[in-house]
């Protein structure tokens, strides 16, 4: 007889282990913070990116009001960059943060700070994870998040500089990536110790910025090393864009699941995965969640379940102007489609 998983946390972790569950869990590997949720809590971007109490309150709404089976307090991709010396524009309620100044002039300049985990953006986030774990962690899955070495290299050294050196100075790139892997490893381990039940690993090796060959050569060995070192919790790889030309490499990198952009075919992705890696995501953000109505969301969620996804989530961090009712509709549709 199939075991019925009665708490959101049990449901999510069982699904990530490939077990049958009472219904498809609804998770958010990335942010589902909305302006409506900010109004409800009084916790707005940009302060909620780095203020522990605001981070906690805004993240919790994703479960307590919207009904997702997870709580995720990391809303951008810039906490590590800020802690490592990047000048950050923290944005606004409608605009996510961005890097304004890169601290590295040469790849070999990077040194892992001994006090990295005590620097404010990192310390604030770890405090948020601990608090959310204490309040919700017996029932709800707490999702941590780290930024992988390729994206960190963009932030610290600049996209143009990195991509140029891939061609003219590949050994410098390898040295930088191997140095930067210390950052997500240390941060992930600290999040796990603080109570994270799973980790999203965001590394933007998108089609428009890196070829499959370059990913295989420069980053795949590092991803394998890092997933091998982080055995305690499920790891969800997040990469934006159409990645069907490299998803077979993600399959072999050792992650538990892949967070899929809606520009990818679920059927094709599942065929390539060969049941070696789970999929989540694929709900379109701008067309469906932002500009669609509940019936549009219902049809899309039903479609991705029909195509074979068993971990339901938006494709990426959602636009803040998404109505909460559209997020609630994701949950309601998943509940109605019990397996």
Protein backbone atom coordinates (compact mmCIF):
# COMPACT_ATOMS: atom_id res chain seq x y z
CA UNK A 1 0.00 0.00 0.00
CA UNK A 2 1.27 3.47 -0.88
CA UNK A 3 2.26 5.52 2.14
CA UNK A 4 0.34 8.79 2.43
CA UNK A 5 2.65 11.70 3.11
CA UNK A 6 0.69 13.96 5.39
CA UNK A 7 2.99 16.97 5.77
CA UNK A 8 4.32 19.20 2.99
CA UNK A 9 7.88 18.34 4.00
CA UNK A 10 7.25 14.59 3.81
CA UNK A 11 5.58 15.03 0.43
CA UNK A 12 8.47 17.04 -1.05
CA UNK A 13 11.28 14.87 0.26
CA UNK A 14 9.51 11.70 -0.82
CA UNK A 15 9.05 13.07 -4.34
CA UNK A 16 12.72 14.05 -4.49
CA UNK A 17 13.57 10.46 -3.59
CA UNK A 18 11.43 9.21 -6.47
CA UNK A 19 8.71 7.80 -4.22
CA UNK A 20 4.99 7.98 -4.85
CA UNK A 21 3.12 10.64 -2.92
CA UNK A 22 -0.51 11.54 -2.23
CA UNK A 23 -0.22 14.35 -4.82
CA UNK A 24 2.42 16.31 -6.69
CA UNK A 25 4.20 18.70 -4.32
CA UNK A 26 4.36 22.38 -5.24
CA UNK A 27 7.80 23.82 -4.56
CA UNK A 28 9.77 26.98 -5.26
CA UNK A 29 13.48 26.38 -5.93
CA UNK A 30 13.67 30.16 -6.54
CA UNK A 31 11.70 33.19 -5.36
CA UNK A 32 7.90 33.49 -5.34
CA UNK A 33 7.95 36.83 -3.49
CA UNK A 34 5.24 39.12 -4.84
CA UNK A 35 4.34 42.76 -4.31
CA UNK A 36 1.04 41.55 -2.87
CA UNK A 37 2.94 39.48 -0.30
CA UNK A 38 5.15 42.48 0.47
CA UNK A 39 2.03 44.56 1.14
CA UNK A 40 0.58 41.85 3.38
CA UNK A 41 3.75 41.56 5.49
CA UNK A 42 5.11 45.11 5.25
CA UNK A 43 8.40 43.58 4.09
CA UNK A 44 9.48 45.02 0.76
CA UNK A 45 12.36 44.67 -1.65
CA UNK A 46 15.12 45.75 -1.52
CA UNK A 47 15.33 45.53 2.30
CA UNK A 48 13.98 41.96 2.33
CA UNK A 49 17.05 40.79 0.41
CA UNK A 50 19.37 41.37 3.38
CA UNK A 51 17.27 42.07 6.50
CA UNK A 52 16.75 38.79 8.36
CA UNK A 53 13.34 39.56 9.88
CA UNK A 54 11.93 40.85 6.60
CA UNK A 55 13.40 37.90 4.73
CA UNK A 56 11.70 35.49 7.14
CA UNK A 57 8.28 37.14 7.00
CA UNK A 58 8.22 37.50 3.21
CA UNK A 59 9.43 33.95 2.60
CA UNK A 60 6.91 32.41 5.01
CA UNK A 61 3.95 33.83 3.05
CA UNK A 62 4.84 31.42 0.24
CA UNK A 63 3.56 28.64 2.50
CA UNK A 64 1.21 30.22 5.02
CA UNK A 65 -0.83 32.23 2.52
CA UNK A 66 -0.02 30.90 -0.94
CA UNK A 67 0.17 27.26 0.13
CA UNK A 68 3.42 26.00 -1.40
CA UNK A 69 5.02 22.95 0.23
CA UNK A 70 8.34 24.77 0.63
CA UNK A 71 9.68 28.03 2.05
CA UNK A 72 12.56 29.72 0.23
CA UNK A 73 14.11 32.88 1.75
CA UNK A 74 16.71 33.67 -0.98
CA UNK A 75 15.06 36.03 -3.46
CA UNK A 76 17.90 36.97 -5.85
CA UNK A 77 21.33 35.69 -6.94
CA UNK A 78 23.46 38.35 -5.27
CA UNK A 79 24.07 37.57 -1.60
CA UNK A 80 27.43 35.92 -2.21
CA UNK A 81 28.46 38.63 -4.67
CA UNK A 82 27.74 41.33 -2.09
CA UNK A 83 29.66 39.43 0.58
CA UNK A 84 32.63 39.03 -1.78
CA UNK A 85 33.03 42.72 -2.52
CA UNK A 86 30.81 43.46 -5.52
CA UNK A 87 29.10 46.84 -5.57
CA UNK A 88 25.40 45.95 -5.71
CA UNK A 89 22.39 47.94 -6.78
CA UNK A 90 19.76 46.24 -4.63
CA UNK A 91 16.96 47.26 -6.99
CA UNK A 92 13.36 48.00 -6.02
CA UNK A 93 10.07 46.17 -5.47
CA UNK A 94 9.92 45.53 -9.23
CA UNK A 95 13.61 45.22 -10.06
CA UNK A 96 15.97 42.52 -8.84
CA UNK A 97 19.50 43.45 -7.70
CA UNK A 98 22.39 43.77 -10.13
CA UNK A 99 26.18 44.03 -9.94
CA UNK A 100 27.51 47.51 -10.63
CA UNK A 101 31.24 47.04 -10.05
CA UNK A 102 33.38 43.89 -10.31
CA UNK A 103 36.10 43.51 -7.66
CA UNK A 104 38.46 41.30 -9.72
CA UNK A 105 40.77 42.77 -12.34
CA UNK A 106 42.43 39.40 -12.95
CA UNK A 107 41.06 35.90 -12.25
CA UNK A 108 43.99 35.00 -10.02
CA UNK A 109 43.17 37.77 -7.56
CA UNK A 110 40.34 35.88 -5.86
CA UNK A 111 40.91 34.72 -2.30
CA UNK A 112 38.20 33.07 -0.21
CA UNK A 113 37.61 35.35 2.82
CA UNK A 114 38.17 33.57 6.11
CA UNK A 115 35.14 35.36 7.56
CA UNK A 116 32.83 34.79 4.56
CA UNK A 117 30.07 33.15 6.61
CA UNK A 118 30.09 36.06 9.07
CA UNK A 119 29.66 38.77 6.45
CA UNK A 120 26.28 40.50 6.69
CA UNK A 121 24.38 39.18 3.63
CA UNK A 122 25.45 35.61 4.38
CA UNK A 123 24.97 35.83 8.13
CA UNK A 124 21.50 37.35 7.65
CA UNK A 125 20.44 34.54 5.36
CA UNK A 126 21.74 31.80 7.62
CA UNK A 127 19.86 33.38 10.53
CA UNK A 128 16.70 33.34 8.41
CA UNK A 129 17.13 29.65 7.60
CA UNK A 130 17.61 28.80 11.28
CA UNK A 131 14.53 30.77 12.30
CA UNK A 132 12.33 29.31 9.56
CA UNK A 133 13.52 25.83 10.46
CA UNK A 134 12.61 26.38 14.10
CA UNK A 135 9.14 27.70 13.24
CA UNK A 136 8.10 25.61 10.25
CA UNK A 137 10.74 22.94 9.73
CA UNK A 138 8.90 19.99 11.26
CA UNK A 139 6.13 20.36 8.65
CA UNK A 140 7.47 22.41 5.73
CA UNK A 141 10.57 21.86 3.60
CA UNK A 142 13.07 24.72 3.88
CA UNK A 143 14.91 25.44 0.63
CA UNK A 144 18.41 26.89 0.72
CA UNK A 145 20.18 28.33 -2.29
CA UNK A 146 23.73 28.92 -3.47
CA UNK A 147 25.23 30.53 -6.53
CA UNK A 148 27.61 28.31 -8.46
CA UNK A 149 31.15 29.22 -9.56
CA UNK A 150 30.29 30.10 -13.17
CA UNK A 151 27.73 32.72 -12.11
CA UNK A 152 30.02 33.96 -9.35
CA UNK A 153 32.71 34.47 -11.98
CA UNK A 154 30.28 36.68 -13.93
CA UNK A 155 29.61 38.70 -10.79
CA UNK A 156 33.19 39.08 -9.63
CA UNK A 157 35.06 39.34 -12.94
CA UNK A 158 32.42 40.36 -15.49
CA UNK A 159 30.64 38.39 -18.21
CA UNK A 160 32.68 39.83 -21.10
CA UNK A 161 35.98 39.28 -19.30
CA UNK A 162 35.14 35.69 -18.41
CA UNK A 163 33.94 34.71 -21.87
CA UNK A 164 36.97 36.32 -23.51
CA UNK A 165 39.32 34.41 -21.21
CA UNK A 166 37.55 31.12 -22.01
CA UNK A 167 39.08 31.59 -25.48
CA UNK A 168 42.39 33.36 -24.84
CA UNK A 169 43.30 32.29 -21.29
CA UNK A 170 41.43 29.06 -20.46
CA UNK A 171 43.82 28.10 -17.64
CA UNK A 172 42.99 31.34 -15.85
CA UNK A 173 39.30 30.46 -16.09
CA UNK A 174 39.89 26.99 -14.70
CA UNK A 175 41.89 28.44 -11.81
CA UNK A 176 39.15 30.96 -11.02
CA UNK A 177 36.35 28.38 -11.13
CA UNK A 178 38.25 25.98 -8.89
CA UNK A 179 38.85 28.82 -6.41
CA UNK A 180 35.24 29.95 -6.51
CA UNK A 181 33.80 26.49 -5.85
CA UNK A 182 34.78 27.05 -2.20
CA UNK A 183 32.02 29.66 -1.94
CA UNK A 184 28.92 27.55 -2.72
CA UNK A 185 30.38 24.57 -0.89
CA UNK A 186 30.95 26.54 2.30
CA UNK A 187 27.60 28.33 2.03
CA UNK A 188 25.66 25.14 1.27
CA UNK A 189 27.23 23.29 4.18
CA UNK A 190 26.35 26.19 6.50
CA UNK A 191 22.75 26.22 5.23
CA UNK A 192 22.42 22.48 5.76
CA UNK A 193 23.75 22.90 9.30
CA UNK A 194 21.22 25.72 9.82
CA UNK A 195 18.37 23.44 8.78
CA UNK A 196 17.91 23.61 4.99
CA UNK A 197 16.20 20.46 3.71
CA UNK A 198 17.44 20.93 0.14
CA UNK A 199 19.67 23.30 -1.80
CA UNK A 200 19.05 25.06 -5.10
CA UNK A 201 22.34 25.40 -7.00
CA UNK A 202 21.99 28.29 -9.47
CA UNK A 203 24.65 28.38 -12.19
CA UNK A 204 23.75 30.28 -15.35
CA UNK A 205 25.41 28.18 -18.03
CA UNK A 206 22.85 29.29 -20.58
CA UNK A 207 22.93 28.69 -24.34
CA UNK A 208 23.61 32.34 -25.13
CA UNK A 209 26.67 32.49 -22.85
CA UNK A 210 28.42 29.12 -22.94
CA UNK A 211 28.54 26.17 -25.32
CA UNK A 212 27.89 22.60 -24.19
CA UNK A 213 31.54 21.84 -24.94
CA UNK A 214 32.72 24.65 -22.65
CA UNK A 215 30.37 23.51 -19.89
CA UNK A 216 31.70 19.97 -20.20
CA UNK A 217 35.29 21.13 -20.19
CA UNK A 218 35.27 23.87 -17.56
CA UNK A 219 32.38 23.26 -15.20
CA UNK A 220 31.07 19.69 -15.32
CA UNK A 221 34.04 18.28 -13.34
CA UNK A 222 33.51 20.95 -10.69
CA UNK A 223 29.78 20.24 -10.48
CA UNK A 224 30.52 16.54 -10.06
CA UNK A 225 33.02 17.28 -7.33
CA UNK A 226 30.59 19.57 -5.49
CA UNK A 227 27.59 17.24 -5.71
CA UNK A 228 29.82 14.46 -4.45
CA UNK A 229 30.79 16.59 -1.46
CA UNK A 230 27.20 17.58 -0.62
CA UNK A 231 25.55 14.24 0.02
CA UNK A 232 23.32 15.23 2.94
CA UNK A 233 20.35 16.81 1.13
CA UNK A 234 18.76 16.88 -2.34
CA UNK A 235 20.37 19.35 -4.77
CA UNK A 236 18.33 21.13 -7.45
CA UNK A 237 20.28 22.61 -10.36
CA UNK A 238 18.80 25.83 -11.75
CA UNK A 239 19.77 27.11 -15.21
CA UNK A 240 17.62 29.52 -17.21
CA UNK A 241 16.86 29.29 -20.91
CA UNK A 242 16.68 26.55 -23.53
CA UNK A 243 19.24 23.97 -22.45
CA UNK A 244 18.21 20.80 -24.26
CA UNK A 245 21.58 20.77 -26.03
CA UNK A 246 23.37 20.29 -22.68
CA UNK A 247 20.81 18.70 -20.41
CA UNK A 248 22.49 15.30 -20.89
CA UNK A 249 25.53 16.80 -19.18
CA UNK A 250 23.43 18.11 -16.28
CA UNK A 251 22.03 14.57 -16.00
CA UNK A 252 25.53 13.27 -15.35
CA UNK A 253 26.59 16.01 -12.91
CA UNK A 254 25.12 14.38 -9.82
CA UNK A 255 22.24 16.73 -8.97
CA UNK A 256 18.96 15.31 -7.70
CA UNK A 257 16.72 17.43 -9.90
CA UNK A 258 16.81 20.07 -12.62
CA UNK A 259 14.72 23.26 -12.50
CA UNK A 260 13.40 23.60 -16.04
CA UNK A 261 12.66 26.78 -18.02
CA UNK A 262 9.41 26.80 -20.02
CA UNK A 263 11.44 27.17 -23.24
CA UNK A 264 12.28 23.47 -22.96
CA UNK A 265 10.10 20.51 -23.94
CA UNK A 266 9.26 18.43 -20.87
CA UNK A 267 8.87 15.30 -22.97
CA UNK A 268 12.27 15.77 -24.61
CA UNK A 269 13.93 16.62 -21.32
CA UNK A 270 12.53 13.53 -19.59
CA UNK A 271 13.67 11.35 -22.48
CA UNK A 272 17.21 12.72 -22.19
CA UNK A 273 17.22 12.35 -18.40
CA UNK A 274 16.66 8.58 -18.71
CA UNK A 275 15.12 8.59 -15.18
CA UNK A 276 18.50 9.55 -13.73
CA UNK A 277 17.42 13.04 -12.69
CA UNK A 278 14.06 14.52 -11.69
CA UNK A 279 12.51 17.60 -13.26
CA UNK A 280 10.67 20.53 -11.76
CA UNK A 281 9.51 23.87 -13.15
CA UNK A 282 8.31 24.77 -16.65
CA UNK A 283 5.34 26.95 -15.60
CA UNK A 284 5.78 30.09 -17.71
CA UNK A 285 6.32 33.26 -15.69
CA UNK A 286 5.60 36.25 -17.97
CA UNK A 287 2.85 34.77 -20.13
CA UNK A 288 1.00 32.52 -17.69
CA UNK A 289 1.69 33.61 -14.11
CA UNK A 290 1.99 37.36 -14.68
CA UNK A 291 -0.52 37.95 -17.44
CA UNK A 292 -2.70 34.83 -17.31
CA UNK A 293 -5.81 34.11 -15.28
CA UNK A 294 -6.53 31.15 -12.96
CA UNK A 295 -7.93 29.10 -15.85
CA UNK A 296 -4.66 29.61 -17.78
CA UNK A 297 -2.66 28.47 -14.75
CA UNK A 298 -4.93 25.46 -14.27
CA UNK A 299 -4.49 24.37 -17.88
CA UNK A 300 -0.71 24.78 -17.79
CA UNK A 301 -0.26 22.89 -14.53
CA UNK A 302 -2.48 20.09 -15.77
CA UNK A 303 -0.37 20.00 -18.95
CA UNK A 304 2.98 19.68 -17.22
CA UNK A 305 1.62 16.94 -14.94
CA UNK A 306 0.31 15.14 -18.00
CA UNK A 307 3.73 15.49 -19.65
CA UNK A 308 5.40 13.83 -16.68
CA UNK A 309 6.57 16.44 -14.16
CA UNK A 310 5.92 15.39 -10.56
CA UNK A 311 7.48 18.38 -8.74
CA UNK A 312 5.43 21.44 -9.64
CA UNK A 313 7.06 24.90 -9.67
CA UNK A 314 7.36 28.15 -11.63
CA UNK A 315 10.22 28.19 -14.12
CA UNK A 316 12.32 30.80 -12.29
CA UNK A 317 12.04 33.66 -9.80
CA UNK A 318 8.64 35.13 -10.55
CA UNK A 319 7.93 38.78 -11.43
CA UNK A 320 6.83 40.56 -8.27
CA UNK A 321 3.56 41.73 -9.88
CA UNK A 322 2.26 38.16 -10.26
CA UNK A 323 -1.11 38.03 -8.44
CA UNK A 324 -1.09 35.72 -5.45
CA UNK A 325 -4.31 34.14 -6.71
CA UNK A 326 -2.34 32.74 -9.65
CA UNK A 327 0.15 31.11 -7.30
CA UNK A 328 -2.70 29.71 -5.20
CA UNK A 329 -4.18 28.25 -8.39
CA UNK A 330 -0.99 26.23 -8.93
CA UNK A 331 -1.52 24.61 -5.54
CA UNK A 332 -5.23 24.06 -6.05
CA UNK A 333 -4.63 22.40 -9.43
CA UNK A 334 -1.99 20.10 -7.97
CA UNK A 335 -4.38 19.12 -5.17
CA UNK A 336 -7.11 18.33 -7.68
CA UNK A 337 -4.77 16.14 -9.73
CA UNK A 338 -4.05 13.60 -7.00
CA UNK A 339 -2.30 10.50 -8.21
